[in-house]
């Protein structure tokens, strides 16, 4: 299982993957290539297992994690959660919400 930050080159593939989750699908393009947001993707053998949309509000020292995982991604969610929390902390969040 590989967890990495997504970039614009990954956007279309991720949009196709999460098309059945409109709340994530609609937010995804806004989270790519910004300073206060990030998109993590979890893959196994180049197949997407899950994504996390991360947003930090530095002035309030809070962060938000939107998770969307398939069955196998759910079984391996500690990996994506740990990397998500590390990113939020590095970007100034002391509290966070998982959605």
C-alpha atoms as a PDB file:
ATOM      1  CA  UNK A   1       0.000   0.000   0.000  1.00  0.00           C
ATOM      2  CA  UNK A   2       1.452   3.329  -1.076  1.00  0.00           C
ATOM      3  CA  UNK A   3       0.227   6.694   0.247  1.00  0.00           C
ATOM      4  CA  UNK A   4       1.331   9.775  -1.675  1.00  0.00           C
ATOM      5  CA  UNK A   5       0.302  13.345  -2.384  1.00  0.00           C
ATOM      6  CA  UNK A   6      -1.726  13.767  -5.563  1.00  0.00           C
ATOM      7  CA  UNK A   7      -1.077  16.467  -8.134  1.00  0.00           C
ATOM      8  CA  UNK A   8      -2.876  17.815 -11.212  1.00  0.00           C
ATOM      9  CA  UNK A   9      -1.735  14.831 -13.271  1.00  0.00           C
ATOM     10  CA  UNK A  10      -3.733  12.535 -10.944  1.00  0.00           C
ATOM     11  CA  UNK A  11      -6.913  14.653 -10.958  1.00  0.00           C
ATOM     12  CA  UNK A  12      -8.912  12.967 -13.756  1.00  0.00           C
ATOM     13  CA  UNK A  13      -8.176   9.481 -12.454  1.00  0.00           C
ATOM     14  CA  UNK A  14      -9.241  10.478  -8.934  1.00  0.00           C
ATOM     15  CA  UNK A  15     -12.408  12.194 -10.197  1.00  0.00           C
ATOM     16  CA  UNK A  16     -13.378   8.992 -12.044  1.00  0.00           C
ATOM     17  CA  UNK A  17     -12.626   6.904  -8.961  1.00  0.00           C
ATOM     18  CA  UNK A  18     -14.773   8.953  -6.564  1.00  0.00           C
ATOM     19  CA  UNK A  19     -17.651   9.709  -8.939  1.00  0.00           C
ATOM     20  CA  UNK A  20     -20.126   7.845  -6.697  1.00  0.00           C
ATOM     21  CA  UNK A  21     -19.340  10.165  -3.763  1.00  0.00           C
ATOM     22  CA  UNK A  22     -20.537  13.628  -4.879  1.00  0.00           C
ATOM     23  CA  UNK A  23     -19.454  15.392  -1.680  1.00  0.00           C
ATOM     24  CA  UNK A  24     -15.835  14.346  -2.326  1.00  0.00           C
ATOM     25  CA  UNK A  25     -16.032  14.528  -6.127  1.00  0.00           C
ATOM     26  CA  UNK A  26     -17.185  18.169  -6.042  1.00  0.00           C
ATOM     27  CA  UNK A  27     -14.497  19.289  -3.569  1.00  0.00           C
ATOM     28  CA  UNK A  28     -11.551  17.435  -5.130  1.00  0.00           C
ATOM     29  CA  UNK A  29     -10.516  19.962  -7.852  1.00  0.00           C
ATOM     30  CA  UNK A  30     -10.405  22.769  -5.269  1.00  0.00           C
ATOM     31  CA  UNK A  31      -7.912  20.847  -3.110  1.00  0.00           C
ATOM     32  CA  UNK A  32      -5.174  20.349  -5.749  1.00  0.00           C
ATOM     33  CA  UNK A  33      -2.171  22.724  -5.849  1.00  0.00           C
ATOM     34  CA  UNK A  34      -3.024  25.097  -3.009  1.00  0.00           C
ATOM     35  CA  UNK A  35      -0.989  26.039   0.052  1.00  0.00           C
ATOM     36  CA  UNK A  36      -3.764  25.396   2.575  1.00  0.00           C
ATOM     37  CA  UNK A  37      -5.001  22.084   1.098  1.00  0.00           C
ATOM     38  CA  UNK A  38      -3.646  18.736  -0.049  1.00  0.00           C
ATOM     39  CA  UNK A  39      -4.940  15.512  -1.548  1.00  0.00           C
ATOM     40  CA  UNK A  40      -3.530  12.193  -0.405  1.00  0.00           C
ATOM     41  CA  UNK A  41      -4.134   9.065  -2.420  1.00  0.00           C
ATOM     42  CA  UNK A  42      -3.679   5.482  -1.298  1.00  0.00           C
ATOM     43  CA  UNK A  43      -2.806   2.979  -4.017  1.00  0.00           C
ATOM     44  CA  UNK A  44      -2.090  -0.708  -4.293  1.00  0.00           C
ATOM     45  CA  UNK A  45      -0.658  -1.994  -7.573  1.00  0.00           C
ATOM     46  CA  UNK A  46      -1.542   1.380  -9.182  1.00  0.00           C
ATOM     47  CA  UNK A  47      -5.231   0.993  -8.231  1.00  0.00           C
ATOM     48  CA  UNK A  48      -6.710   3.745  -6.043  1.00  0.00           C
ATOM     49  CA  UNK A  49      -7.915   2.440  -2.670  1.00  0.00           C
ATOM     50  CA  UNK A  50      -8.732   5.758  -1.034  1.00  0.00           C
ATOM     51  CA  UNK A  51      -8.267   9.501  -0.944  1.00  0.00           C
ATOM     52  CA  UNK A  52      -8.100  12.099   1.785  1.00  0.00           C
ATOM     53  CA  UNK A  53      -8.845  15.774   1.195  1.00  0.00           C
ATOM     54  CA  UNK A  54      -6.920  17.871   3.715  1.00  0.00           C
ATOM     55  CA  UNK A  55      -7.519  21.495   4.598  1.00  0.00           C
ATOM     56  CA  UNK A  56      -5.869  23.594   7.272  1.00  0.00           C
ATOM     57  CA  UNK A  57      -7.063  26.907   8.694  1.00  0.00           C
ATOM     58  CA  UNK A  58      -3.830  28.281  10.139  1.00  0.00           C
ATOM     59  CA  UNK A  59      -5.429  31.293  11.841  1.00  0.00           C
ATOM     60  CA  UNK A  60      -7.755  28.989  13.801  1.00  0.00           C
ATOM     61  CA  UNK A  61      -5.148  26.212  14.099  1.00  0.00           C
ATOM     62  CA  UNK A  62      -7.691  23.647  12.879  1.00  0.00           C
ATOM     63  CA  UNK A  63      -7.762  21.114  10.095  1.00  0.00           C
ATOM     64  CA  UNK A  64     -10.261  18.949   8.255  1.00  0.00           C
ATOM     65  CA  UNK A  65      -9.832  15.503   6.706  1.00  0.00           C
ATOM     66  CA  UNK A  66     -12.421  14.250   4.191  1.00  0.00           C
ATOM     67  CA  UNK A  67     -11.888  10.499   3.714  1.00  0.00           C
ATOM     68  CA  UNK A  68     -13.254   8.359   0.903  1.00  0.00           C
ATOM     69  CA  UNK A  69     -12.100   4.730   0.923  1.00  0.00           C
ATOM     70  CA  UNK A  70     -13.101   1.493  -0.748  1.00  0.00           C
ATOM     71  CA  UNK A  71     -13.318  -1.750   1.276  1.00  0.00           C
ATOM     72  CA  UNK A  72      -9.616  -2.521   1.062  1.00  0.00           C
ATOM     73  CA  UNK A  73      -8.788   1.113   1.752  1.00  0.00           C
ATOM     74  CA  UNK A  74     -10.911   1.007   4.903  1.00  0.00           C
ATOM     75  CA  UNK A  75      -8.931  -1.981   6.141  1.00  0.00           C
ATOM     76  CA  UNK A  76      -5.689  -0.021   5.652  1.00  0.00           C
ATOM     77  CA  UNK A  77      -6.885   3.432   6.757  1.00  0.00           C
ATOM     78  CA  UNK A  78      -4.241   3.956   9.517  1.00  0.00           C
ATOM     79  CA  UNK A  79      -1.619   4.652   6.839  1.00  0.00           C
ATOM     80  CA  UNK A  80      -3.560   7.452   5.158  1.00  0.00           C
ATOM     81  CA  UNK A  81      -4.709   8.851   8.526  1.00  0.00           C
ATOM     82  CA  UNK A  82      -1.154   9.049   9.871  1.00  0.00           C
ATOM     83  CA  UNK A  83       0.142  10.882   6.805  1.00  0.00           C
ATOM     84  CA  UNK A  84      -2.929  13.192   6.893  1.00  0.00           C
ATOM     85  CA  UNK A  85      -2.366  14.089  10.549  1.00  0.00           C
ATOM     86  CA  UNK A  86       1.333  14.702   9.971  1.00  0.00           C
ATOM     87  CA  UNK A  87       0.556  17.120   7.108  1.00  0.00           C
ATOM     88  CA  UNK A  88      -2.034  18.993   9.183  1.00  0.00           C
ATOM     89  CA  UNK A  89       0.387  19.347  12.127  1.00  0.00           C
ATOM     90  CA  UNK A  90       3.229  20.505   9.867  1.00  0.00           C
ATOM     91  CA  UNK A  91       0.895  23.162   8.480  1.00  0.00           C
ATOM     92  CA  UNK A  92      -0.167  24.547  11.861  1.00  0.00           C
ATOM     93  CA  UNK A  93      -3.288  22.581  12.849  1.00  0.00           C
ATOM     94  CA  UNK A  94      -3.578  21.591  16.498  1.00  0.00           C
ATOM     95  CA  UNK A  95      -7.160  20.266  16.269  1.00  0.00           C
ATOM     96  CA  UNK A  96      -8.795  18.393  13.416  1.00  0.00           C
ATOM     97  CA  UNK A  97     -12.105  16.975  12.238  1.00  0.00           C
ATOM     98  CA  UNK A  98     -12.494  13.774  10.227  1.00  0.00           C
ATOM     99  CA  UNK A  99     -15.442  13.592   7.841  1.00  0.00           C
END
